[in-house]
Amino acid sequence: MAYKCPVCNKVWPNTRELARHILGTGDKPHKDWIGSKGLSFADLLLMGSKGYQTLSELLEREAEKVD
């Protein structure tokens, strides 16, 4: 099942790739979305793979699923 980015609506094959997209983009709208969820962009990056996992788990609950 694919997932749609809640910021720019690009479709990604899984939440891990979507998390990578959001952290890799690093523009203001994506950072603001992370902040709106009570997370820190910088802290997620500093956490390394745990940060990606944390964001991926959030996206499983929050991101729109696409068939």
PDB file of N, CA and C in Angstrom:
ATOM      1  N   MET A   1       0.841  -1.174   0.000  1.00  0.00           N
ATOM      2  CA  MET A   1       0.000   0.000   0.000  1.00  0.00           C
ATOM      3  C   MET A   1       0.890   1.242   0.000  1.00  0.00           C
ATOM      4  N   ALA A   2       0.540   2.212  -0.800  1.00  0.00           N
ATOM      5  CA  ALA A   2       1.298   3.455  -0.924  1.00  0.00           C
ATOM      6  C   ALA A   2       0.722   4.515   0.018  1.00  0.00           C
ATOM      7  N   TYR A   3       1.527   5.531   0.293  1.00  0.00           N
ATOM      8  CA  TYR A   3       1.133   6.606   1.189  1.00  0.00           C
ATOM      9  C   TYR A   3       1.401   7.953   0.542  1.00  0.00           C
ATOM     10  N   LYS A   4       0.506   8.905   0.786  1.00  0.00           N
ATOM     11  CA  LYS A   4       0.621  10.238   0.219  1.00  0.00           C
ATOM     12  C   LYS A   4       1.235  11.190   1.259  1.00  0.00           C
ATOM     13  N   CYS A   5       2.194  11.980   0.834  1.00  0.00           N
ATOM     14  CA  CYS A   5       2.817  12.969   1.710  1.00  0.00           C
ATOM     15  C   CYS A   5       1.742  13.962   2.154  1.00  0.00           C
ATOM     16  N   PRO A   6       1.626  14.189   3.468  1.00  0.00           N
ATOM     17  CA  PRO A   6       0.603  15.115   3.963  1.00  0.00           C
ATOM     18  C   PRO A   6       0.908  16.575   3.642  1.00  0.00           C
ATOM     19  N   VAL A   7       2.103  16.858   3.136  1.00  0.00           N
ATOM     20  CA  VAL A   7       2.489  18.229   2.822  1.00  0.00           C
ATOM     21  C   VAL A   7       2.369  18.518   1.325  1.00  0.00           C
ATOM     22  N   CYS A   8       3.008  17.694   0.499  1.00  0.00           N
ATOM     23  CA  CYS A   8       3.074  17.994  -0.935  1.00  0.00           C
ATOM     24  C   CYS A   8       2.295  17.012  -1.803  1.00  0.00           C
ATOM     25  N   ASN A   9       1.704  15.992  -1.186  1.00  0.00           N
ATOM     26  CA  ASN A   9       0.851  15.007  -1.863  1.00  0.00           C
ATOM     27  C   ASN A   9       1.574  14.061  -2.815  1.00  0.00           C
ATOM     28  N   LYS A  10       2.898  14.010  -2.772  1.00  0.00           N
ATOM     29  CA  LYS A  10       3.611  13.004  -3.566  1.00  0.00           C
ATOM     30  C   LYS A  10       3.334  11.635  -2.954  1.00  0.00           C
ATOM     31  N   VAL A  11       3.290  10.614  -3.790  1.00  0.00           N
ATOM     32  CA  VAL A  11       2.968   9.264  -3.333  1.00  0.00           C
ATOM     33  C   VAL A  11       4.257   8.453  -3.201  1.00  0.00           C
ATOM     34  N   TRP A  12       4.351   7.738  -2.078  1.00  0.00           N
ATOM     35  CA  TRP A  12       5.530   6.914  -1.787  1.00  0.00           C
ATOM     36  C   TRP A  12       5.083   5.487  -1.483  1.00  0.00           C
ATOM     37  N   PRO A  13       5.920   4.486  -1.804  1.00  0.00           N
ATOM     38  CA  PRO A  13       5.490   3.086  -1.667  1.00  0.00           C
ATOM     39  C   PRO A  13       5.292   2.614  -0.228  1.00  0.00           C
ATOM     40  N   ASN A  14       5.937   3.262   0.732  1.00  0.00           N
ATOM     41  CA  ASN A  14       5.784   2.867   2.132  1.00  0.00           C
ATOM     42  C   ASN A  14       6.118   4.055   3.031  1.00  0.00           C
ATOM     43  N   THR A  15       5.815   3.923   4.318  1.00  0.00           N
ATOM     44  CA  THR A  15       6.026   5.048   5.228  1.00  0.00           C
ATOM     45  C   THR A  15       7.509   5.308   5.499  1.00  0.00           C
ATOM     46  N   ARG A  16       8.334   4.307   5.375  1.00  0.00           N
ATOM     47  CA  ARG A  16       9.779   4.514   5.566  1.00  0.00           C
ATOM     48  C   ARG A  16      10.325   5.443   4.476  1.00  0.00           C
ATOM     49  N   GLU A  17       9.928   5.204   3.229  1.00  0.00           N
ATOM     50  CA  GLU A  17      10.355   6.073   2.126  1.00  0.00           C
ATOM     51  C   GLU A  17       9.738   7.465   2.262  1.00  0.00           C
ATOM     52  N   LEU A  18       8.517   7.528   2.745  1.00  0.00           N
ATOM     53  CA  LEU A  18       7.863   8.817   2.961  1.00  0.00           C
ATOM     54  C   LEU A  18       8.595   9.605   4.050  1.00  0.00           C
ATOM     55  N   ALA A  19       8.978   8.939   5.123  1.00  0.00           N
ATOM     56  CA  ALA A  19       9.750   9.600   6.187  1.00  0.00           C
ATOM     57  C   ALA A  19      11.080  10.110   5.633  1.00  0.00           C
ATOM     58  N   ARG A  20      11.713   9.317   4.810  1.00  0.00           N
ATOM     59  CA  ARG A  20      12.975   9.718   4.186  1.00  0.00           C
ATOM     60  C   ARG A  20      12.772  10.957   3.309  1.00  0.00           C
ATOM     61  N   HIS A  21      11.665  10.985   2.578  1.00  0.00           N
ATOM     62  CA  HIS A  21      11.320  12.137   1.747  1.00  0.00           C
ATOM     63  C   HIS A  21      11.147  13.394   2.605  1.00  0.00           C
ATOM     64  N   ILE A  22      10.364  13.279   3.670  1.00  0.00           N
ATOM     65  CA  ILE A  22      10.061  14.441   4.507  1.00  0.00           C
ATOM     66  C   ILE A  22      11.330  14.979   5.162  1.00  0.00           C
ATOM     67  N   LEU A  23      12.146  14.100   5.716  1.00  0.00           N
ATOM     68  CA  LEU A  23      13.382  14.550   6.354  1.00  0.00           C
ATOM     69  C   LEU A  23      14.412  15.007   5.324  1.00  0.00           C
ATOM     70  N   GLY A  24      14.411  14.398   4.160  1.00  0.00           N
ATOM     71  CA  GLY A  24      15.362  14.762   3.115  1.00  0.00           C
ATOM     72  C   GLY A  24      15.025  16.065   2.424  1.00  0.00           C
ATOM     73  N   THR A  25      13.736  16.383   2.346  1.00  0.00           N
ATOM     74  CA  THR A  25      13.323  17.623   1.701  1.00  0.00           C
ATOM     75  C   THR A  25      13.766  18.809   2.545  1.00  0.00           C
ATOM     76  N   GLY A  26      13.400  18.797   3.801  1.00  0.00           N
ATOM     77  CA  GLY A  26      13.867  19.810   4.741  1.00  0.00           C
ATOM     78  C   GLY A  26      13.416  21.234   4.462  1.00  0.00           C
ATOM     79  N   ASP A  27      12.375  21.415   3.660  1.00  0.00           N
ATOM     80  CA  ASP A  27      11.898  22.779   3.424  1.00  0.00           C
ATOM     81  C   ASP A  27      10.931  23.185   4.543  1.00  0.00           C
ATOM     82  N   LYS A  28      10.572  24.447   4.566  1.00  0.00           N
ATOM     83  CA  LYS A  28       9.750  24.978   5.642  1.00  0.00           C
ATOM     84  C   LYS A  28       8.398  24.262   5.784  1.00  0.00           C
ATOM     85  N   PRO A  29       7.659  24.019   4.699  1.00  0.00           N
ATOM     86  CA  PRO A  29       6.365  23.333   4.881  1.00  0.00           C
ATOM     87  C   PRO A  29       6.502  21.937   5.524  1.00  0.00           C
ATOM     88  N   HIS A  30       7.520  21.175   5.128  1.00  0.00           N
ATOM     89  CA  HIS A  30       7.712  19.843   5.707  1.00  0.00           C
ATOM     90  C   HIS A  30       8.162  19.948   7.170  1.00  0.00           C
ATOM     91  N   LYS A  31       9.050  20.892   7.463  1.00  0.00           N
ATOM     92  CA  LYS A  31       9.482  21.104   8.850  1.00  0.00           C
ATOM     93  C   LYS A  31       8.310  21.545   9.718  1.00  0.00           C
ATOM     94  N   ASP A  32       7.471  22.434   9.171  1.00  0.00           N
ATOM     95  CA  ASP A  32       6.313  22.907   9.927  1.00  0.00           C
ATOM     96  C   ASP A  32       5.334  21.779  10.224  1.00  0.00           C
ATOM     97  N   TRP A  33       5.154  20.858   9.273  1.00  0.00           N
ATOM     98  CA  TRP A  33       4.256  19.724   9.513  1.00  0.00           C
ATOM     99  C   TRP A  33       4.789  18.865  10.657  1.00  0.00           C
ATOM    100  N   ILE A  34       6.099  18.600  10.646  1.00  0.00           N
ATOM    101  CA  ILE A  34       6.705  17.821  11.735  1.00  0.00           C
ATOM    102  C   ILE A  34       6.478  18.534  13.065  1.00  0.00           C
ATOM    103  N   GLY A  35       6.708  19.849  13.080  1.00  0.00           N
ATOM    104  CA  GLY A  35       6.497  20.627  14.299  1.00  0.00           C
ATOM    105  C   GLY A  35       5.054  20.601  14.772  1.00  0.00           C
ATOM    106  N   SER A  36       4.110  20.573  13.835  1.00  0.00           N
ATOM    107  CA  SER A  36       2.692  20.543  14.205  1.00  0.00           C
ATOM    108  C   SER A  36       2.303  19.229  14.883  1.00  0.00           C
ATOM    109  N   LYS A  37       3.131  18.223  14.728  1.00  0.00           N
ATOM    110  CA  LYS A  37       2.879  16.921  15.355  1.00  0.00           C
ATOM    111  C   LYS A  37       3.622  16.776  16.674  1.00  0.00           C
ATOM    112  N   GLY A  38       4.247  17.877  17.124  1.00  0.00           N
ATOM    113  CA  GLY A  38       4.941  17.855  18.412  1.00  0.00           C
ATOM    114  C   GLY A  38       6.341  17.280  18.352  1.00  0.00           C
ATOM    115  N   LEU A  39       6.884  17.155  17.153  1.00  0.00           N
ATOM    116  CA  LEU A  39       8.230  16.618  16.984  1.00  0.00           C
ATOM    117  C   LEU A  39       9.173  17.710  16.517  1.00  0.00           C
ATOM    118  N   SER A  40      10.458  17.476  16.689  1.00  0.00           N
ATOM    119  CA  SER A  40      11.471  18.420  16.241  1.00  0.00           C
ATOM    120  C   SER A  40      12.216  17.835  15.048  1.00  0.00           C
ATOM    121  N   PHE A  41      12.264  18.598  13.953  1.00  0.00           N
ATOM    122  CA  PHE A  41      12.983  18.170  12.753  1.00  0.00           C
ATOM    123  C   PHE A  41      14.429  17.822  13.094  1.00  0.00           C
ATOM    124  N   ALA A  42      15.105  18.713  13.805  1.00  0.00           N
ATOM    125  CA  ALA A  42      16.520  18.507  14.150  1.00  0.00           C
ATOM    126  C   ALA A  42      16.698  17.268  15.032  1.00  0.00           C
ATOM    127  N   ASP A  43      15.821  17.102  16.016  1.00  0.00           N
ATOM    128  CA  ASP A  43      15.928  15.939  16.902  1.00  0.00           C
ATOM    129  C   ASP A  43      15.746  14.637  16.138  1.00  0.00           C
ATOM    130  N   LEU A  44      14.800  14.609  15.192  1.00  0.00           N
ATOM    131  CA  LEU A  44      14.594  13.398  14.394  1.00  0.00           C
ATOM    132  C   LEU A  44      15.854  13.061  13.598  1.00  0.00           C
ATOM    133  N   LEU A  45      16.490  14.087  13.030  1.00  0.00           N
ATOM    134  CA  LEU A  45      17.720  13.845  12.275  1.00  0.00           C
ATOM    135  C   LEU A  45      18.838  13.343  13.184  1.00  0.00           C
ATOM    136  N   LEU A  46      18.955  13.931  14.368  1.00  0.00           N
ATOM    137  CA  LEU A  46      20.008  13.535  15.299  1.00  0.00           C
ATOM    138  C   LEU A  46      19.808  12.117  15.834  1.00  0.00           C
ATOM    139  N   MET A  47      18.568  11.666  15.852  1.00  0.00           N
ATOM    140  CA  MET A  47      18.270  10.308  16.330  1.00  0.00           C
ATOM    141  C   MET A  47      18.684   9.239  15.324  1.00  0.00           C
ATOM    142  N   GLY A  48      18.985   9.638  14.105  1.00  0.00           N
ATOM    143  CA  GLY A  48      19.388   8.676  13.080  1.00  0.00           C
ATOM    144  C   GLY A  48      18.247   7.763  12.695  1.00  0.00           C
ATOM    145  N   SER A  49      18.512   6.462  12.642  1.00  0.00           N
ATOM    146  CA  SER A  49      17.488   5.515  12.185  1.00  0.00           C
ATOM    147  C   SER A  49      16.276   5.482  13.116  1.00  0.00           C
ATOM    148  N   LYS A  50      16.466   5.760  14.408  1.00  0.00           N
ATOM    149  CA  LYS A  50      15.326   5.819  15.326  1.00  0.00           C
ATOM    150  C   LYS A  50      14.406   6.985  14.982  1.00  0.00           C
ATOM    151  N   GLY A  51      14.978   8.082  14.499  1.00  0.00           N
ATOM    152  CA  GLY A  51      14.179   9.225  14.078  1.00  0.00           C
ATOM    153  C   GLY A  51      13.320   8.886  12.873  1.00  0.00           C
ATOM    154  N   TYR A  52      13.920   8.176  11.914  1.00  0.00           N
ATOM    155  CA  TYR A  52      13.159   7.748  10.733  1.00  0.00           C
ATOM    156  C   TYR A  52      12.049   6.793  11.145  1.00  0.00           C
ATOM    157  N   GLN A  53      12.349   5.901  12.078  1.00  0.00           N
ATOM    158  CA  GLN A  53      11.351   4.942  12.545  1.00  0.00           C
ATOM    159  C   GLN A  53      10.208   5.653  13.263  1.00  0.00           C
ATOM    160  N   THR A  54      10.538   6.631  14.099  1.00  0.00           N
ATOM    161  CA  THR A  54       9.521   7.408  14.816  1.00  0.00           C
ATOM    162  C   THR A  54       8.601   8.116  13.831  1.00  0.00           C
ATOM    163  N   LEU A  55       9.190   8.765  12.842  1.00  0.00           N
ATOM    164  CA  LEU A  55       8.390   9.471  11.836  1.00  0.00           C
ATOM    165  C   LEU A  55       7.582   8.494  10.994  1.00  0.00           C
ATOM    166  N   SER A  56       8.172   7.360  10.663  1.00  0.00           N
ATOM    167  CA  SER A  56       7.480   6.343   9.875  1.00  0.00           C
ATOM    168  C   SER A  56       6.239   5.830  10.614  1.00  0.00           C
ATOM    169  N   GLU A  57       6.360   5.608  11.908  1.00  0.00           N
ATOM    170  CA  GLU A  57       5.227   5.133  12.702  1.00  0.00           C
ATOM    171  C   GLU A  57       4.126   6.197  12.767  1.00  0.00           C
ATOM    172  N   LEU A  58       4.518   7.455  12.900  1.00  0.00           N
ATOM    173  CA  LEU A  58       3.538   8.535  12.894  1.00  0.00           C
ATOM    174  C   LEU A  58       2.817   8.586  11.551  1.00  0.00           C
ATOM    175  N   LEU A  59       3.565   8.442  10.469  1.00  0.00           N
ATOM    176  CA  LEU A  59       2.974   8.514   9.133  1.00  0.00           C
ATOM    177  C   LEU A  59       2.018   7.359   8.863  1.00  0.00           C
ATOM    178  N   GLU A  60       2.263   6.206   9.454  1.00  0.00           N
ATOM    179  CA  GLU A  60       1.326   5.086   9.285  1.00  0.00           C
ATOM    180  C   GLU A  60      -0.050   5.450   9.814  1.00  0.00           C
ATOM    181  N   ARG A  61      -0.080   6.254  10.868  1.00  0.00           N
ATOM    182  CA  ARG A  61      -1.351   6.678  11.455  1.00  0.00           C
ATOM    183  C   ARG A  61      -1.930   7.906  10.753  1.00  0.00           C
ATOM    184  N   GLU A  62      -1.067   8.805  10.286  1.00  0.00           N
ATOM    185  CA  GLU A  62      -1.507  10.122   9.816  1.00  0.00           C
ATOM    186  C   GLU A  62      -1.643  10.245   8.293  1.00  0.00           C
ATOM    187  N   ALA A  63      -0.773   9.586   7.548  1.00  0.00           N
ATOM    188  CA  ALA A  63      -0.746   9.798   6.093  1.00  0.00           C
ATOM    189  C   ALA A  63      -1.910   9.082   5.403  1.00  0.00           C
ATOM    190  N   GLU A  64      -2.371   9.701   4.341  1.00  0.00           N
ATOM    191  CA  GLU A  64      -3.453   9.111   3.543  1.00  0.00           C
ATOM    192  C   GLU A  64      -2.919   7.904   2.769  1.00  0.00           C
ATOM    193  N   LYS A  65      -3.653   6.807   2.836  1.00  0.00           N
ATOM    194  CA  LYS A  65      -3.267   5.595   2.106  1.00  0.00           C
ATOM    195  C   LYS A  65      -3.829   5.659   0.695  1.00  0.00           C
ATOM    196  N   VAL A  66      -3.007   5.190  -0.254  1.00  0.00           N
ATOM    197  CA  VAL A  66      -3.391   5.201  -1.659  1.00  0.00           C
ATOM    198  C   VAL A  66      -3.306   3.772  -2.178  1.00  0.00           C
ATOM    199  N   ASP A  67      -4.324   3.315  -2.876  1.00  0.00           N
ATOM    200  CA  ASP A  67      -4.298   1.945  -3.424  1.00  0.00           C
ATOM    201  C   ASP A  67      -3.569   1.877  -4.738  1.00  0.00           C
TER     202      ASP A  67
END
